[in-house]
Amino acid sequence: MIWLAVQAAIGLALLFFGGEWLVRGAVSLAGRLGVSPLIIGLSVVAAGTSAPELFVSLVSVLENKPAIAIANVVGSNIANILLVLGAAALIWPVVVRPTVFRWDGPVLIAATAVFCALASMGEIGPASGVLMVLGLAAYLHRSYYLDRKDAQLRREIEDEVAELGGDRPPGRIALLLVSGLAGVVGGAELLVFGAVGIAADAGVSETAIGVTLVAVGTSLPELATAIAAARHRHTELALGNVIGSCIFNILAIVGVVSIVRPLAVPDEVLAFDLWVMGGVTLAFIALARATPRPGRTIGTIMLLCYAAYIVSQFTGLSAMPAMYRPA
C-alpha cells in the first residue's frame, strides 16, 4: 500500500509539473509562430491545463479501467466548482462577469446535460465523441468572436499569455514540450497504476478513487491557477478558467477518449456522481447569477460540501443508490 501511494504521489507530481511545462512550451511556440494571444489563451492554455485529465483518462481506457476514466471527468468537474472556486472565494470574492450568463454558463449547462443524457445510456461511443469534439470547436470559434469584442477581457488574456509564454529560445521551447509531454504521460501511467492498487488494497471501488484522488490530482493546475489569481485579486480569471476547464473536460476529454474506445459508464456514477455533478453545476450557475461576488461565507460552504462529497465516497453512501437500480 505504501509503495502504491508513493507511485500515485509521484504520478501526481509529474502530472502537475508536466502540465505546467507543456503549457509554457506550447504558449511560447504559438507566440513564435505568430498566433494571436487571444487564440492562445482560449485554446492552447485551456487544452494544456486539461492535459492531465486527458492522459489519465486515455491511459485508463487503454488499460481497460473505464471506471477511472469517466470518474476522473465527473470528479474533476465537481472539484473544479466546489474545491477550486471555493478555495478562491475564501481568499478573495470571485468576480462574476455578465458575459458568463450570455455564453459560457449556458454552454456549460448544455454540455453537462448532453453528457448526462449520453452517460445514462450506459456507454458513450465514437459517434457521440465526434459530435462532442465538433461542439468544442464551435464553442472555441464563438468564444474567440465574443472575447475579441471585449477589450478588458482581451487585455487580461493577453497579460496571462505573456506571463506564461515569454521570449524563449527554440531549444528551451523544445525542452519544455518534450519534458511536459513525458511528465503527463508518465505521471498518468503511475497515477492510474497506483490508484487501481490503492482501491484494491483498501477495498473501495475504482470509481471512488477516480472521483477523489485522481480527480483532485488532475485538477491541481486549476487549483494552483485559481489560488494565484485570488491572491492577486483577479478572481474573474479563476472563474473563467474553471468554466473553460469544465467544458473542456466534457467535450474534449470525453469526446476524444470515446473516439479511441467506447466509454462504459459505471452504475455507481450513473446513480450518484452524475447527479452530484449536474446539481453542483446548476447550483453554481444559479448562485453566480444571484450573487455577483461570492465571498468567504459561500467559499466555506462550497468547501464543506466538497468535504461531505469526499466522505460519502469512503463511507459507502455514494454506492447505496446503485444498489437500488433495477437490473
Protein backbone atom coordinates (compact mmCIF):
# COMPACT_ATOMS: atom_id res chain seq x y z
CA MET A 1 0.00 0.00 0.00
CA ILE A 2 2.81 2.43 0.89
CA TRP A 3 4.61 1.81 -2.40
CA LEU A 4 1.34 2.28 -4.33
CA ALA A 5 0.76 5.57 -2.51
CA VAL A 6 4.31 6.67 -3.38
CA GLN A 7 3.71 5.81 -7.04
CA ALA A 8 0.45 7.75 -7.05
CA ALA A 9 2.17 10.74 -5.39
CA ILE A 10 4.99 10.68 -7.95
CA GLY A 11 2.39 10.45 -10.70
CA LEU A 12 0.54 13.49 -9.34
CA ALA A 13 3.79 15.48 -9.16
CA LEU A 14 4.71 14.55 -12.73
CA LEU A 15 1.22 15.50 -13.93
CA PHE A 16 1.39 18.87 -12.19
CA PHE A 17 4.84 19.89 -13.40
CA GLY A 18 4.44 18.20 -16.77
CA GLY A 19 1.21 20.12 -17.40
CA GLU A 20 2.92 23.38 -16.39
CA TRP A 21 5.89 22.78 -18.70
CA LEU A 22 3.62 21.71 -21.55
CA VAL A 23 1.51 24.87 -21.27
CA ARG A 24 4.53 27.18 -21.10
CA GLY A 25 6.24 25.48 -24.03
CA ALA A 26 3.10 25.46 -26.16
CA VAL A 27 2.37 29.13 -25.42
CA SER A 28 5.93 30.13 -26.32
CA LEU A 29 5.81 28.10 -29.54
CA ALA A 30 2.46 29.60 -30.55
CA GLY A 31 3.83 33.07 -29.85
CA ARG A 32 6.86 32.44 -32.07
CA LEU A 33 4.56 31.20 -34.84
CA GLY A 34 2.65 34.47 -34.67
CA VAL A 35 -0.60 33.06 -33.27
CA SER A 36 -2.92 35.64 -31.67
CA PRO A 37 -2.62 35.81 -27.84
CA LEU A 38 -6.41 35.58 -27.65
CA ILE A 39 -6.44 32.30 -29.58
CA ILE A 40 -3.57 31.02 -27.42
CA GLY A 41 -5.48 31.86 -24.25
CA LEU A 42 -8.72 30.26 -25.42
CA SER A 43 -7.23 27.10 -26.89
CA VAL A 44 -3.58 26.35 -26.06
CA VAL A 45 -3.74 27.30 -22.36
CA ALA A 46 -7.15 25.69 -21.81
CA ALA A 47 -6.10 22.48 -23.56
CA GLY A 48 -2.79 22.42 -21.71
CA THR A 49 -4.36 22.68 -18.27
CA SER A 50 -6.70 19.81 -19.25
CA ALA A 51 -3.79 17.63 -20.43
CA PRO A 52 -3.51 15.75 -17.08
CA GLU A 53 -7.20 14.75 -17.22
CA LEU A 54 -6.90 13.74 -20.89
CA PHE A 55 -3.86 11.50 -20.46
CA VAL A 56 -5.16 9.90 -17.25
CA SER A 57 -8.45 9.09 -18.98
CA LEU A 58 -6.71 7.76 -22.11
CA VAL A 59 -4.37 5.54 -20.09
CA SER A 60 -7.33 4.29 -18.06
CA VAL A 61 -9.42 3.17 -21.04
CA LEU A 62 -6.40 1.68 -22.84
CA GLU A 63 -5.67 -0.37 -19.72
CA ASN A 64 -9.34 -1.42 -19.53
CA LYS A 65 -10.13 0.75 -16.48
CA PRO A 66 -13.07 2.80 -17.83
CA ALA A 67 -14.40 3.49 -14.31
CA ILE A 68 -11.39 5.67 -13.55
CA ALA A 69 -11.64 7.45 -16.91
CA ILE A 70 -15.28 8.51 -16.50
CA ALA A 71 -14.96 9.12 -12.76
CA ASN A 72 -11.96 11.37 -13.43
CA VAL A 73 -14.02 13.69 -15.64
CA VAL A 74 -17.05 13.75 -13.33
CA GLY A 75 -14.92 14.18 -10.20
CA SER A 76 -12.77 16.88 -11.82
CA ASN A 77 -15.82 19.00 -12.68
CA ILE A 78 -17.14 18.65 -9.13
CA ALA A 79 -13.70 19.54 -7.73
CA ASN A 80 -13.32 22.50 -10.11
CA ILE A 81 -16.52 24.09 -8.87
CA LEU A 82 -16.61 23.22 -5.18
CA LEU A 83 -12.89 22.91 -4.33
CA VAL A 84 -11.16 25.29 -6.76
CA LEU A 85 -13.73 28.11 -6.72
CA GLY A 86 -14.41 27.55 -3.02
CA ALA A 87 -10.71 27.99 -2.22
CA ALA A 88 -10.51 31.10 -4.44
CA ALA A 89 -13.60 32.68 -2.80
CA LEU A 90 -12.10 32.01 0.62
CA ILE A 91 -9.11 34.20 -0.34
CA TRP A 92 -10.91 36.92 -2.29
CA PRO A 93 -14.51 37.34 -3.56
CA VAL A 94 -15.00 35.80 -7.00
CA VAL A 95 -15.94 38.42 -9.58
CA VAL A 96 -18.69 37.14 -11.90
CA ARG A 97 -18.76 38.73 -15.35
CA PRO A 98 -22.15 39.35 -17.02
CA THR A 99 -20.83 37.54 -20.12
CA VAL A 100 -20.85 34.29 -18.11
CA PHE A 101 -24.66 34.22 -18.38
CA ARG A 102 -24.72 35.12 -22.05
CA TRP A 103 -22.38 32.42 -23.33
CA ASP A 104 -20.08 30.33 -21.11
CA GLY A 105 -22.66 29.48 -18.44
CA PRO A 106 -25.32 28.25 -20.89
CA VAL A 107 -22.67 26.26 -22.81
CA LEU A 108 -21.53 24.58 -19.58
CA ILE A 109 -25.12 23.67 -18.70
CA ALA A 110 -25.79 22.38 -22.24
CA ALA A 111 -22.57 20.34 -22.31
CA THR A 112 -23.36 18.87 -18.88
CA ALA A 113 -26.92 17.98 -19.94
CA VAL A 114 -25.71 16.29 -23.14
CA PHE A 115 -23.05 14.38 -21.22
CA CYS A 116 -25.57 13.18 -18.63
CA ALA A 117 -28.01 12.12 -21.35
CA LEU A 118 -25.32 10.15 -23.20
CA ALA A 119 -23.99 8.61 -20.00
CA SER A 120 -27.49 7.47 -19.00
CA MET A 121 -27.38 5.08 -21.96
CA GLY A 122 -24.57 3.19 -20.21
CA GLU A 123 -21.90 3.75 -22.87
CA ILE A 124 -20.58 6.71 -24.86
CA GLY A 125 -19.47 5.62 -28.33
CA PRO A 126 -17.30 7.08 -31.12
CA ALA A 127 -20.20 8.82 -32.91
CA SER A 128 -21.09 10.73 -29.74
CA GLY A 129 -17.41 11.51 -29.24
CA VAL A 130 -17.13 13.09 -32.68
CA LEU A 131 -20.19 15.26 -32.00
CA MET A 132 -18.67 16.42 -28.70
CA VAL A 133 -15.37 17.38 -30.34
CA LEU A 134 -17.25 19.29 -33.06
CA GLY A 135 -19.21 21.03 -30.31
CA LEU A 136 -15.93 22.06 -28.67
CA ALA A 137 -14.67 23.51 -31.97
CA ALA A 138 -17.88 25.55 -32.33
CA TYR A 139 -17.54 26.77 -28.73
CA LEU A 140 -13.96 27.93 -29.26
CA HIS A 141 -14.84 29.68 -32.51
CA ARG A 142 -17.74 31.55 -30.92
CA SER A 143 -15.68 32.37 -27.79
CA TYR A 144 -12.97 33.96 -29.92
CA TYR A 145 -15.54 36.11 -31.71
CA LEU A 146 -17.12 37.29 -28.44
CA ASP A 147 -13.89 37.81 -26.49
CA ARG A 148 -12.35 39.79 -29.35
CA LYS A 149 -15.05 42.43 -28.79
CA ASP A 150 -14.45 42.57 -25.00
CA ALA A 151 -11.42 44.88 -24.69
CA GLN A 152 -10.90 44.37 -20.95
CA LEU A 153 -11.10 40.57 -21.14
CA ARG A 154 -8.82 40.56 -24.18
CA ARG A 155 -6.16 42.54 -22.27
CA GLU A 156 -6.41 40.14 -19.32
CA ILE A 157 -5.98 37.10 -21.57
CA GLU A 158 -3.03 38.73 -23.33
CA ASP A 159 -1.39 39.51 -19.97
CA GLU A 160 -1.87 35.91 -18.83
CA VAL A 161 -0.42 34.56 -22.08
CA ALA A 162 2.55 36.93 -21.84
CA GLU A 163 3.27 35.70 -18.30
CA LEU A 164 3.10 32.05 -19.36
CA GLY A 165 4.97 32.46 -22.63
CA GLY A 166 7.94 34.77 -22.65
CA ASP A 167 10.62 35.10 -25.30
CA ARG A 168 12.22 31.66 -25.02
CA PRO A 169 14.82 30.27 -27.45
CA PRO A 170 13.75 27.32 -29.67
CA GLY A 171 15.87 24.86 -27.70
CA ARG A 172 14.19 25.82 -24.43
CA ILE A 173 10.75 25.55 -26.03
CA ALA A 174 11.54 22.06 -27.34
CA LEU A 175 12.82 21.00 -23.91
CA LEU A 176 9.64 22.27 -22.21
CA LEU A 177 7.40 20.49 -24.72
CA VAL A 178 9.26 17.18 -24.54
CA SER A 179 9.60 17.29 -20.75
CA GLY A 180 5.97 18.31 -20.32
CA LEU A 181 4.67 15.57 -22.59
CA ALA A 182 6.85 12.97 -20.88
CA GLY A 183 5.67 14.24 -17.50
CA VAL A 184 1.94 13.99 -18.21
CA VAL A 185 2.25 10.60 -19.95
CA GLY A 186 4.48 9.07 -17.28
CA GLY A 187 2.53 10.71 -14.48
CA ALA A 188 -0.77 9.41 -15.85
CA GLU A 189 0.63 5.87 -16.03
CA LEU A 190 1.93 5.97 -12.46
CA LEU A 191 -1.21 7.59 -11.07
CA VAL A 192 -3.59 5.10 -12.70
CA PHE A 193 -1.46 2.12 -11.60
CA GLY A 194 -1.16 3.44 -8.05
CA ALA A 195 -4.85 4.40 -7.84
CA VAL A 196 -6.05 0.98 -9.00
CA GLY A 197 -3.75 -0.72 -6.50
CA ILE A 198 -4.89 1.52 -3.64
CA ALA A 199 -8.54 0.84 -4.48
CA ALA A 200 -7.93 -2.93 -4.45
CA ASP A 201 -5.96 -2.89 -1.18
CA ALA A 202 -8.35 -0.52 0.59
CA GLY A 203 -11.45 -2.40 -0.52
CA VAL A 204 -13.06 0.63 -2.20
CA SER A 205 -14.25 0.94 -5.77
CA GLU A 206 -12.16 2.31 -8.62
CA THR A 207 -14.93 4.85 -9.13
CA ALA A 208 -14.45 6.21 -5.60
CA ILE A 209 -10.70 6.56 -6.18
CA GLY A 210 -11.34 8.13 -9.59
CA VAL A 211 -13.67 10.88 -8.33
CA THR A 212 -11.44 11.70 -5.35
CA LEU A 213 -7.69 11.01 -5.57
CA VAL A 214 -7.41 11.02 -9.36
CA ALA A 215 -9.84 13.91 -9.90
CA VAL A 216 -8.22 16.16 -7.30
CA GLY A 217 -4.77 15.31 -8.62
CA THR A 218 -5.65 16.20 -12.21
CA SER A 219 -7.36 19.41 -11.00
CA LEU A 220 -4.17 20.67 -9.33
CA PRO A 221 -3.29 23.01 -12.26
CA GLU A 222 -6.69 24.70 -11.99
CA LEU A 223 -6.39 24.90 -8.19
CA ALA A 224 -2.92 26.46 -8.36
CA THR A 225 -4.08 28.95 -11.02
CA ALA A 226 -7.18 29.91 -9.02
CA ILE A 227 -5.26 30.46 -5.78
CA ALA A 228 -2.66 32.58 -7.57
CA ALA A 229 -5.39 34.62 -9.27
CA ALA A 230 -7.23 35.13 -5.96
CA ARG A 231 -4.04 36.27 -4.21
CA HIS A 232 -3.60 38.91 -6.91
CA ARG A 233 -7.33 39.77 -6.71
CA HIS A 234 -8.03 38.62 -10.28
CA THR A 235 -10.69 36.07 -9.43
CA GLU A 236 -12.54 36.72 -12.69
CA LEU A 237 -9.69 34.81 -14.36
CA ALA A 238 -10.14 31.94 -11.90
CA LEU A 239 -13.84 31.77 -12.75
CA GLY A 240 -13.13 31.77 -16.49
CA ASN A 241 -10.51 29.04 -16.14
CA VAL A 242 -12.84 26.83 -14.11
CA ILE A 243 -15.77 27.16 -16.52
CA GLY A 244 -13.49 26.59 -19.51
CA SER A 245 -11.90 23.57 -17.84
CA CYS A 246 -15.29 22.02 -17.07
CA ILE A 247 -16.39 22.47 -20.69
CA PHE A 248 -13.08 21.04 -21.93
CA ASN A 249 -13.37 18.05 -19.59
CA ILE A 250 -16.72 17.10 -21.06
CA LEU A 251 -16.39 17.97 -24.74
CA ALA A 252 -12.67 17.36 -25.31
CA ILE A 253 -11.73 14.58 -22.88
CA VAL A 254 -14.91 12.50 -23.02
CA GLY A 255 -15.11 13.19 -26.75
CA VAL A 256 -11.53 12.15 -27.57
CA VAL A 257 -11.48 9.16 -25.22
CA SER A 258 -14.77 7.76 -26.52
CA ILE A 259 -13.47 8.05 -30.09
CA VAL A 260 -10.41 5.99 -29.14
CA ARG A 261 -12.53 3.39 -27.32
CA PRO A 262 -16.23 3.28 -26.30
CA LEU A 263 -16.51 4.59 -22.76
CA ALA A 264 -18.60 2.44 -20.40
CA VAL A 265 -20.26 4.33 -17.54
CA PRO A 266 -20.27 2.52 -14.16
CA ASP A 267 -23.61 2.10 -12.35
CA GLU A 268 -22.19 3.90 -9.32
CA VAL A 269 -21.51 7.01 -11.41
CA LEU A 270 -24.95 6.85 -13.03
CA ALA A 271 -26.73 6.50 -9.71
CA PHE A 272 -24.85 9.12 -7.67
CA ASP A 273 -21.87 11.06 -9.03
CA LEU A 274 -23.52 12.14 -12.28
CA TRP A 275 -26.41 13.63 -10.30
CA VAL A 276 -23.99 15.41 -7.97
CA MET A 277 -22.10 16.89 -10.92
CA GLY A 278 -25.31 18.07 -12.59
CA GLY A 279 -26.68 19.52 -9.36
CA VAL A 280 -23.43 21.27 -8.46
CA THR A 281 -23.18 22.78 -11.96
CA LEU A 282 -26.76 24.13 -11.91
CA ALA A 283 -26.41 25.40 -8.34
CA PHE A 284 -23.15 27.15 -9.21
CA ILE A 285 -24.65 28.97 -12.21
CA ALA A 286 -27.72 29.95 -10.18
CA LEU A 287 -25.54 31.16 -7.29
CA ALA A 288 -23.30 33.18 -9.59
CA ARG A 289 -26.37 34.80 -11.13
CA ALA A 290 -27.80 35.71 -7.72
CA THR A 291 -24.51 36.74 -6.09
CA PRO A 292 -22.14 38.74 -8.35
CA ARG A 293 -19.25 38.47 -5.84
CA PRO A 294 -19.35 35.20 -3.85
CA GLY A 295 -17.06 35.65 -0.84
CA ARG A 296 -15.73 33.76 2.17
CA THR A 297 -19.08 32.55 3.52
CA ILE A 298 -20.05 30.96 0.21
CA GLY A 299 -16.49 29.69 -0.28
CA THR A 300 -16.62 27.98 3.10
CA ILE A 301 -19.97 26.37 2.27
CA MET A 302 -18.59 25.10 -1.05
CA LEU A 303 -15.55 23.56 0.64
CA LEU A 304 -17.75 21.92 3.29
CA CYS A 305 -19.97 20.49 0.55
CA TYR A 306 -16.92 19.09 -1.19
CA ALA A 307 -15.68 17.56 2.07
CA ALA A 308 -19.09 15.91 2.52
CA TYR A 309 -18.89 14.53 -1.02
CA ILE A 310 -15.44 13.04 -0.34
CA VAL A 311 -16.68 11.49 2.91
CA SER A 312 -19.62 9.92 1.04
CA GLN A 313 -17.18 8.12 -1.26
CA PHE A 314 -15.34 6.37 1.55
CA THR A 315 -18.26 5.61 3.84
CA GLY A 316 -20.31 3.71 1.27
CA LEU A 317 -23.04 6.37 0.99
CA SER A 318 -22.26 7.09 -2.66
CA ALA A 319 -22.68 3.41 -3.59
CA MET A 320 -26.09 3.00 -1.94
CA PRO A 321 -28.22 4.46 -4.79
CA ALA A 322 -26.63 2.00 -7.23
CA MET A 323 -27.83 -0.91 -5.08
CA TYR A 324 -31.43 0.01 -5.79
CA ARG A 325 -31.10 0.44 -9.56
CA PRO A 326 -33.17 -2.12 -11.49
CA ALA A 327 -31.10 -4.92 -13.01
